[in-house]
Amino acid sequence: KPVKVQASGEVKYQYYIHDPGFTEDKW
């Protein structure tokens, strides 16, 4: 879903994990 970014201040690095479902090596 879209991520809300606050109006001011500093935002810590965000980390997102995704499993693309690769069942074989991809080049």
PDB file of all heavy atoms in Angstrom:
ATOM      1  N   LYS A   1       0.842  -1.190   0.000  1.00  0.00           N
ATOM      2  CA  LYS A   1       0.000   0.000   0.000  1.00  0.00           C
ATOM      3  C   LYS A   1       0.880   1.242   0.000  1.00  0.00           C
ATOM      4  O   LYS A   1       2.050   1.175   0.375  1.00  0.00           O
ATOM      5  CB  LYS A   1      -0.908   0.005   1.234  1.00  0.00           C
ATOM      6  CG  LYS A   1      -1.871  -1.162   1.306  1.00  0.00           C
ATOM      7  CD  LYS A   1      -2.699  -1.087   2.577  1.00  0.00           C
ATOM      8  CE  LYS A   1      -3.681  -2.254   2.674  1.00  0.00           C
ATOM      9  NZ  LYS A   1      -4.485  -2.202   3.929  1.00  0.00           N
ATOM     10  N   PRO A   2       0.335   2.383  -0.414  1.00  0.00           N
ATOM     11  CA  PRO A   2       1.129   3.618  -0.353  1.00  0.00           C
ATOM     12  C   PRO A   2       1.595   3.914   1.066  1.00  0.00           C
ATOM     13  O   PRO A   2       0.875   3.689   2.040  1.00  0.00           O
ATOM     14  CB  PRO A   2       0.155   4.686  -0.866  1.00  0.00           C
ATOM     15  CG  PRO A   2      -0.798   3.933  -1.735  1.00  0.00           C
ATOM     16  CD  PRO A   2      -0.970   2.598  -1.072  1.00  0.00           C
ATOM     17  N   VAL A   3       2.808   4.443   1.165  1.00  0.00           N
ATOM     18  CA  VAL A   3       3.414   4.793   2.446  1.00  0.00           C
ATOM     19  C   VAL A   3       3.194   6.268   2.712  1.00  0.00           C
ATOM     20  O   VAL A   3       3.425   7.101   1.836  1.00  0.00           O
ATOM     21  CB  VAL A   3       4.931   4.483   2.427  1.00  0.00           C
ATOM     22  CG1 VAL A   3       5.595   4.945   3.722  1.00  0.00           C
ATOM     23  CG2 VAL A   3       5.170   3.002   2.204  1.00  0.00           C
ATOM     24  N   LYS A   4       2.743   6.596   3.921  1.00  0.00           N
ATOM     25  CA  LYS A   4       2.553   8.006   4.286  1.00  0.00           C
ATOM     26  C   LYS A   4       3.869   8.587   4.768  1.00  0.00           C
ATOM     27  O   LYS A   4       4.537   8.004   5.626  1.00  0.00           O
ATOM     28  CB  LYS A   4       1.492   8.146   5.381  1.00  0.00           C
ATOM     29  CG  LYS A   4       1.203   9.593   5.759  1.00  0.00           C
ATOM     30  CD  LYS A   4      -0.020   9.716   6.641  1.00  0.00           C
ATOM     31  CE  LYS A   4       0.226   9.156   8.027  1.00  0.00           C
ATOM     32  NZ  LYS A   4      -0.931   9.406   8.923  1.00  0.00           N
ATOM     33  N   VAL A   5       4.261   9.720   4.205  1.00  0.00           N
ATOM     34  CA  VAL A   5       5.491  10.414   4.589  1.00  0.00           C
ATOM     35  C   VAL A   5       5.098  11.685   5.325  1.00  0.00           C
ATOM     36  O   VAL A   5       4.343  12.510   4.804  1.00  0.00           O
ATOM     37  CB  VAL A   5       6.353  10.746   3.349  1.00  0.00           C
ATOM     38  CG1 VAL A   5       7.648  11.431   3.773  1.00  0.00           C
ATOM     39  CG2 VAL A   5       6.651   9.484   2.552  1.00  0.00           C
ATOM     40  N   GLN A   6       5.620  11.842   6.527  1.00  0.00           N
ATOM     41  CA  GLN A   6       5.252  12.978   7.368  1.00  0.00           C
ATOM     42  C   GLN A   6       5.671  14.297   6.740  1.00  0.00           C
ATOM     43  O   GLN A   6       6.528  14.348   5.858  1.00  0.00           O
ATOM     44  CB  GLN A   6       5.903  12.828   8.745  1.00  0.00           C
ATOM     45  CG  GLN A   6       7.423  12.881   8.696  1.00  0.00           C
ATOM     46  CD  GLN A   6       8.071  12.297   9.932  1.00  0.00           C
ATOM     47  OE1 GLN A   6       7.679  11.244  10.411  1.00  0.00           O
ATOM     48  NE2 GLN A   6       9.088  12.994  10.463  1.00  0.00           N
ATOM     49  N   ALA A   7       5.078  15.384   7.219  1.00  0.00           N
ATOM     50  CA  ALA A   7       5.285  16.702   6.610  1.00  0.00           C
ATOM     51  C   ALA A   7       6.658  17.278   6.900  1.00  0.00           C
ATOM     52  O   ALA A   7       7.230  17.992   6.071  1.00  0.00           O
ATOM     53  CB  ALA A   7       4.203  17.668   7.081  1.00  0.00           C
ATOM     54  N   SER A   8       7.220  17.000   8.078  1.00  0.00           N
ATOM     55  CA  SER A   8       8.491  17.614   8.447  1.00  0.00           C
ATOM     56  C   SER A   8       9.270  16.675   9.344  1.00  0.00           C
ATOM     57  O   SER A   8       8.782  15.616   9.741  1.00  0.00           O
ATOM     58  CB  SER A   8       8.255  18.957   9.158  1.00  0.00           C
ATOM     59  OG  SER A   8       7.495  18.764  10.339  1.00  0.00           O
ATOM     60  N   GLY A   9      10.494  17.088   9.687  1.00  0.00           N
ATOM     61  CA  GLY A   9      11.360  16.257  10.526  1.00  0.00           C
ATOM     62  C   GLY A   9      12.148  15.282   9.687  1.00  0.00           C
ATOM     63  O   GLY A   9      12.157  15.341   8.455  1.00  0.00           O
ATOM     64  N   GLU A  10      12.808  14.360  10.339  1.00  0.00           N
ATOM     65  CA  GLU A  10      13.640  13.377   9.645  1.00  0.00           C
ATOM     66  C   GLU A  10      13.001  12.005   9.748  1.00  0.00           C
ATOM     67  O   GLU A  10      12.540  11.592  10.807  1.00  0.00           O
ATOM     68  CB  GLU A  10      15.048  13.338  10.253  1.00  0.00           C
ATOM     69  CG  GLU A  10      15.992  12.430   9.484  1.00  0.00           C
ATOM     70  CD  GLU A  10      17.451  12.719   9.779  1.00  0.00           C
ATOM     71  OE1 GLU A  10      17.732  13.365  10.802  1.00  0.00           O
ATOM     72  OE2 GLU A  10      18.309  12.288   8.998  1.00  0.00           O
ATOM     73  N   VAL A  11      12.961  11.294   8.636  1.00  0.00           N
ATOM     74  CA  VAL A  11      12.383   9.956   8.588  1.00  0.00           C
ATOM     75  C   VAL A  11      13.523   8.935   8.553  1.00  0.00           C
ATOM     76  O   VAL A  11      14.406   9.017   7.694  1.00  0.00           O
ATOM     77  CB  VAL A  11      11.491   9.779   7.341  1.00  0.00           C
ATOM     78  CG1 VAL A  11      10.886   8.380   7.310  1.00  0.00           C
ATOM     79  CG2 VAL A  11      10.392  10.838   7.325  1.00  0.00           C
ATOM     80  N   LYS A  12      13.498   7.995   9.469  1.00  0.00           N
ATOM     81  CA  LYS A  12      14.514   6.939   9.463  1.00  0.00           C
ATOM     82  C   LYS A  12      14.402   6.118   8.185  1.00  0.00           C
ATOM     83  O   LYS A  12      13.339   6.021   7.578  1.00  0.00           O
ATOM     84  CB  LYS A  12      14.342   6.031  10.687  1.00  0.00           C
ATOM     85  CG  LYS A  12      14.667   6.690  12.017  1.00  0.00           C
ATOM     86  CD  LYS A  12      14.546   5.678  13.148  1.00  0.00           C
ATOM     87  CE  LYS A  12      14.923   6.320  14.487  1.00  0.00           C
ATOM     88  NZ  LYS A  12      14.833   5.346  15.600  1.00  0.00           N
ATOM     89  N   TYR A  13      15.524   5.508   7.790  1.00  0.00           N
ATOM     90  CA  TYR A  13      15.490   4.630   6.625  1.00  0.00           C
ATOM     91  C   TYR A  13      14.403   3.567   6.839  1.00  0.00           C
ATOM     92  O   TYR A  13      14.304   2.962   7.907  1.00  0.00           O
ATOM     93  CB  TYR A  13      16.828   3.921   6.444  1.00  0.00           C
ATOM     94  CG  TYR A  13      17.935   4.759   5.860  1.00  0.00           C
ATOM     95  CD1 TYR A  13      17.798   6.123   5.681  1.00  0.00           C
ATOM     96  CD2 TYR A  13      19.143   4.182   5.486  1.00  0.00           C
ATOM     97  CE1 TYR A  13      18.811   6.880   5.147  1.00  0.00           C
ATOM     98  CE2 TYR A  13      20.173   4.931   4.951  1.00  0.00           C
ATOM     99  CZ  TYR A  13      20.003   6.286   4.778  1.00  0.00           C
ATOM    100  OH  TYR A  13      21.012   7.032   4.253  1.00  0.00           O
ATOM    101  N   GLN A  14      13.635   3.342   5.801  1.00  0.00           N
ATOM    102  CA  GLN A  14      12.610   2.310   5.835  1.00  0.00           C
ATOM    103  C   GLN A  14      13.095   1.082   5.065  1.00  0.00           C
ATOM    104  O   GLN A  14      13.704   1.207   3.996  1.00  0.00           O
ATOM    105  CB  GLN A  14      11.310   2.832   5.215  1.00  0.00           C
ATOM    106  CG  GLN A  14      10.755   4.090   5.892  1.00  0.00           C
ATOM    107  CD  GLN A  14      10.359   3.849   7.316  1.00  0.00           C
ATOM    108  OE1 GLN A  14       9.496   3.030   7.609  1.00  0.00           O
ATOM    109  NE2 GLN A  14      11.008   4.573   8.239  1.00  0.00           N
ATOM    110  N   TYR A  15      12.816  -0.106   5.612  1.00  0.00           N
ATOM    111  CA  TYR A  15      13.207  -1.358   4.960  1.00  0.00           C
ATOM    112  C   TYR A  15      11.951  -2.170   4.666  1.00  0.00           C
ATOM    113  O   TYR A  15      11.110  -2.389   5.538  1.00  0.00           O
ATOM    114  CB  TYR A  15      14.147  -2.170   5.852  1.00  0.00           C
ATOM    115  CG  TYR A  15      15.537  -1.579   5.951  1.00  0.00           C
ATOM    116  CD1 TYR A  15      15.837  -0.634   6.918  1.00  0.00           C
ATOM    117  CD2 TYR A  15      16.537  -1.950   5.057  1.00  0.00           C
ATOM    118  CE1 TYR A  15      17.110  -0.076   7.011  1.00  0.00           C
ATOM    119  CE2 TYR A  15      17.815  -1.405   5.140  1.00  0.00           C
ATOM    120  CZ  TYR A  15      18.087  -0.465   6.116  1.00  0.00           C
ATOM    121  OH  TYR A  15      19.346   0.081   6.189  1.00  0.00           O
ATOM    122  N   TYR A  16      11.844  -2.621   3.419  1.00  0.00           N
ATOM    123  CA  TYR A  16      10.701  -3.426   2.998  1.00  0.00           C
ATOM    124  C   TYR A  16      11.219  -4.717   2.368  1.00  0.00           C
ATOM    125  O   TYR A  16      12.172  -4.699   1.575  1.00  0.00           O
ATOM    126  CB  TYR A  16       9.836  -2.656   1.998  1.00  0.00           C
ATOM    127  CG  TYR A  16       9.382  -1.311   2.510  1.00  0.00           C
ATOM    128  CD1 TYR A  16       9.973  -0.130   2.051  1.00  0.00           C
ATOM    129  CD2 TYR A  16       8.387  -1.218   3.476  1.00  0.00           C
ATOM    130  CE1 TYR A  16       9.562   1.104   2.533  1.00  0.00           C
ATOM    131  CE2 TYR A  16       7.976   0.022   3.959  1.00  0.00           C
ATOM    132  CZ  TYR A  16       8.564   1.177   3.489  1.00  0.00           C
ATOM    133  OH  TYR A  16       8.172   2.403   3.972  1.00  0.00           O
ATOM    134  N   ILE A  17      10.580  -5.832   2.709  1.00  0.00           N
ATOM    135  CA  ILE A  17      11.011  -7.154   2.234  1.00  0.00           C
ATOM    136  C   ILE A  17       9.946  -7.704   1.300  1.00  0.00           C
ATOM    137  O   ILE A  17       8.747  -7.643   1.590  1.00  0.00           O
ATOM    138  CB  ILE A  17      11.221  -8.115   3.420  1.00  0.00           C
ATOM    139  CG1 ILE A  17      12.258  -7.543   4.390  1.00  0.00           C
ATOM    140  CG2 ILE A  17      11.673  -9.493   2.933  1.00  0.00           C
ATOM    141  CD1 ILE A  17      12.340  -8.284   5.702  1.00  0.00           C
ATOM    142  N   HIS A  18      10.394  -8.255   0.178  1.00  0.00           N
ATOM    143  CA  HIS A  18       9.467  -8.789  -0.823  1.00  0.00           C
ATOM    144  C   HIS A  18       9.995 -10.131  -1.328  1.00  0.00           C
ATOM    145  O   HIS A  18      11.183 -10.266  -1.639  1.00  0.00           O
ATOM    146  CB  HIS A  18       9.325  -7.810  -1.997  1.00  0.00           C
ATOM    147  CG  HIS A  18       8.411  -8.302  -3.085  1.00  0.00           C
ATOM    148  ND1 HIS A  18       7.040  -8.154  -3.033  1.00  0.00           N
ATOM    149  CD2 HIS A  18       8.673  -8.963  -4.248  1.00  0.00           C
ATOM    150  CE1 HIS A  18       6.511  -8.691  -4.115  1.00  0.00           C
ATOM    151  NE2 HIS A  18       7.481  -9.181  -4.872  1.00  0.00           N
ATOM    152  N   ASP A  19       9.107 -11.096  -1.403  1.00  0.00           N
ATOM    153  CA  ASP A  19       9.448 -12.392  -2.000  1.00  0.00           C
ATOM    154  C   ASP A  19       8.882 -12.425  -3.413  1.00  0.00           C
ATOM    155  O   ASP A  19       7.663 -12.508  -3.600  1.00  0.00           O
ATOM    156  CB  ASP A  19       8.860 -13.532  -1.166  1.00  0.00           C
ATOM    157  CG  ASP A  19       9.260 -14.911  -1.705  1.00  0.00           C
ATOM    158  OD1 ASP A  19       9.896 -14.974  -2.782  1.00  0.00           O
ATOM    159  OD2 ASP A  19       8.940 -15.921  -1.046  1.00  0.00           O
ATOM    160  N   PRO A  20       9.748 -12.347  -4.431  1.00  0.00           N
ATOM    161  CA  PRO A  20       9.244 -12.308  -5.803  1.00  0.00           C
ATOM    162  C   PRO A  20       8.783 -13.668  -6.316  1.00  0.00           C
ATOM    163  O   PRO A  20       8.245 -13.767  -7.420  1.00  0.00           O
ATOM    164  CB  PRO A  20      10.454 -11.806  -6.598  1.00  0.00           C
ATOM    165  CG  PRO A  20      11.629 -12.291  -5.819  1.00  0.00           C
ATOM    166  CD  PRO A  20      11.218 -12.242  -4.371  1.00  0.00           C
ATOM    167  N   GLY A  21       9.048 -14.733  -5.536  1.00  0.00           N
ATOM    168  CA  GLY A  21       8.595 -16.063  -5.939  1.00  0.00           C
ATOM    169  C   GLY A  21       9.407 -16.683  -7.060  1.00  0.00           C
ATOM    170  O   GLY A  21       8.872 -17.482  -7.849  1.00  0.00           O
ATOM    171  N   PHE A  22      10.696 -16.338  -7.140  1.00  0.00           N
ATOM    172  CA  PHE A  22      11.533 -16.913  -8.196  1.00  0.00           C
ATOM    173  C   PHE A  22      11.822 -18.379  -7.877  1.00  0.00           C
ATOM    174  O   PHE A  22      12.478 -18.694  -6.881  1.00  0.00           O
ATOM    175  CB  PHE A  22      12.844 -16.154  -8.327  1.00  0.00           C
ATOM    176  CG  PHE A  22      12.693 -14.730  -8.808  1.00  0.00           C
ATOM    177  CD1 PHE A  22      13.645 -13.769  -8.491  1.00  0.00           C
ATOM    178  CD2 PHE A  22      11.606 -14.353  -9.585  1.00  0.00           C
ATOM    179  CE1 PHE A  22      13.514 -12.460  -8.931  1.00  0.00           C
ATOM    180  CE2 PHE A  22      11.464 -13.052 -10.034  1.00  0.00           C
ATOM    181  CZ  PHE A  22      12.414 -12.104  -9.708  1.00  0.00           C
ATOM    182  N   THR A  23      11.342 -19.289  -8.723  1.00  0.00           N
ATOM    183  CA  THR A  23      11.591 -20.721  -8.533  1.00  0.00           C
ATOM    184  C   THR A  23      12.797 -21.201  -9.330  1.00  0.00           C
ATOM    185  O   THR A  23      13.184 -22.366  -9.231  1.00  0.00           O
ATOM    186  CB  THR A  23      10.348 -21.526  -8.938  1.00  0.00           C
ATOM    187  OG1 THR A  23      10.015 -21.221 -10.308  1.00  0.00           O
ATOM    188  CG2 THR A  23       9.168 -21.168  -8.038  1.00  0.00           C
ATOM    189  N   GLU A  24      13.359 -20.317 -10.125  1.00  0.00           N
ATOM    190  CA  GLU A  24      14.583 -20.607 -10.861  1.00  0.00           C
ATOM    191  C   GLU A  24      15.439 -19.348 -10.893  1.00  0.00           C
ATOM    192  O   GLU A  24      14.959 -18.251 -10.636  1.00  0.00           O
ATOM    193  CB  GLU A  24      14.263 -21.060 -12.290  1.00  0.00           C
ATOM    194  CG  GLU A  24      13.476 -20.023 -13.086  1.00  0.00           C
ATOM    195  CD  GLU A  24      13.109 -20.505 -14.477  1.00  0.00           C
ATOM    196  OE1 GLU A  24      13.340 -21.695 -14.766  1.00  0.00           O
ATOM    197  OE2 GLU A  24      12.615 -19.689 -15.277  1.00  0.00           O
ATOM    198  N   ASP A  25      16.731 -19.533 -11.178  1.00  0.00           N
ATOM    199  CA  ASP A  25      17.615 -18.375 -11.255  1.00  0.00           C
ATOM    200  C   ASP A  25      17.113 -17.402 -12.313  1.00  0.00           C
ATOM    201  O   ASP A  25      16.671 -17.806 -13.390  1.00  0.00           O
ATOM    202  CB  ASP A  25      19.040 -18.806 -11.603  1.00  0.00           C
ATOM    203  CG  ASP A  25      19.724 -19.556 -10.470  1.00  0.00           C
ATOM    204  OD1 ASP A  25      19.106 -19.684  -9.400  1.00  0.00           O
ATOM    205  OD2 ASP A  25      20.865 -20.005 -10.670  1.00  0.00           O
ATOM    206  N   LYS A  26      17.196 -16.110 -11.994  1.00  0.00           N
ATOM    207  CA  LYS A  26      16.826 -15.075 -12.951  1.00  0.00           C
ATOM    208  C   LYS A  26      18.063 -14.271 -13.315  1.00  0.00           C
ATOM    209  O   LYS A  26      18.880 -13.927 -12.450  1.00  0.00           O
ATOM    210  CB  LYS A  26      15.766 -14.138 -12.352  1.00  0.00           C
ATOM    211  CG  LYS A  26      14.407 -14.786 -12.141  1.00  0.00           C
ATOM    212  CD  LYS A  26      13.682 -15.015 -13.458  1.00  0.00           C
ATOM    213  CE  LYS A  26      12.264 -15.472 -13.238  1.00  0.00           C
ATOM    214  NZ  LYS A  26      11.538 -15.677 -14.518  1.00  0.00           N
ATOM    215  N   TRP A  27      18.198 -13.952 -14.604  1.00  0.00           N
ATOM    216  CA  TRP A  27      19.339 -13.172 -15.085  1.00  0.00           C
ATOM    217  C   TRP A  27      18.864 -11.772 -15.425  1.00  0.00           C
ATOM    218  O   TRP A  27      17.987 -11.582 -16.267  1.00  0.00           O
ATOM    219  CB  TRP A  27      19.975 -13.844 -16.292  1.00  0.00           C
ATOM    220  CG  TRP A  27      20.722 -15.077 -15.908  1.00  0.00           C
ATOM    221  CD1 TRP A  27      20.250 -16.357 -15.881  1.00  0.00           C
ATOM    222  CD2 TRP A  27      22.079 -15.134 -15.463  1.00  0.00           C
ATOM    223  NE1 TRP A  27      21.232 -17.214 -15.449  1.00  0.00           N
ATOM    224  CE2 TRP A  27      22.365 -16.496 -15.182  1.00  0.00           C
ATOM    225  CE3 TRP A  27      23.071 -14.177 -15.260  1.00  0.00           C
ATOM    226  CZ2 TRP A  27      23.608 -16.915 -14.721  1.00  0.00           C
ATOM    227  CZ3 TRP A  27      24.315 -14.583 -14.815  1.00  0.00           C
ATOM    228  CH2 TRP A  27      24.569 -15.931 -14.549  1.00  0.00           C
TER     229      TRP A  27
END
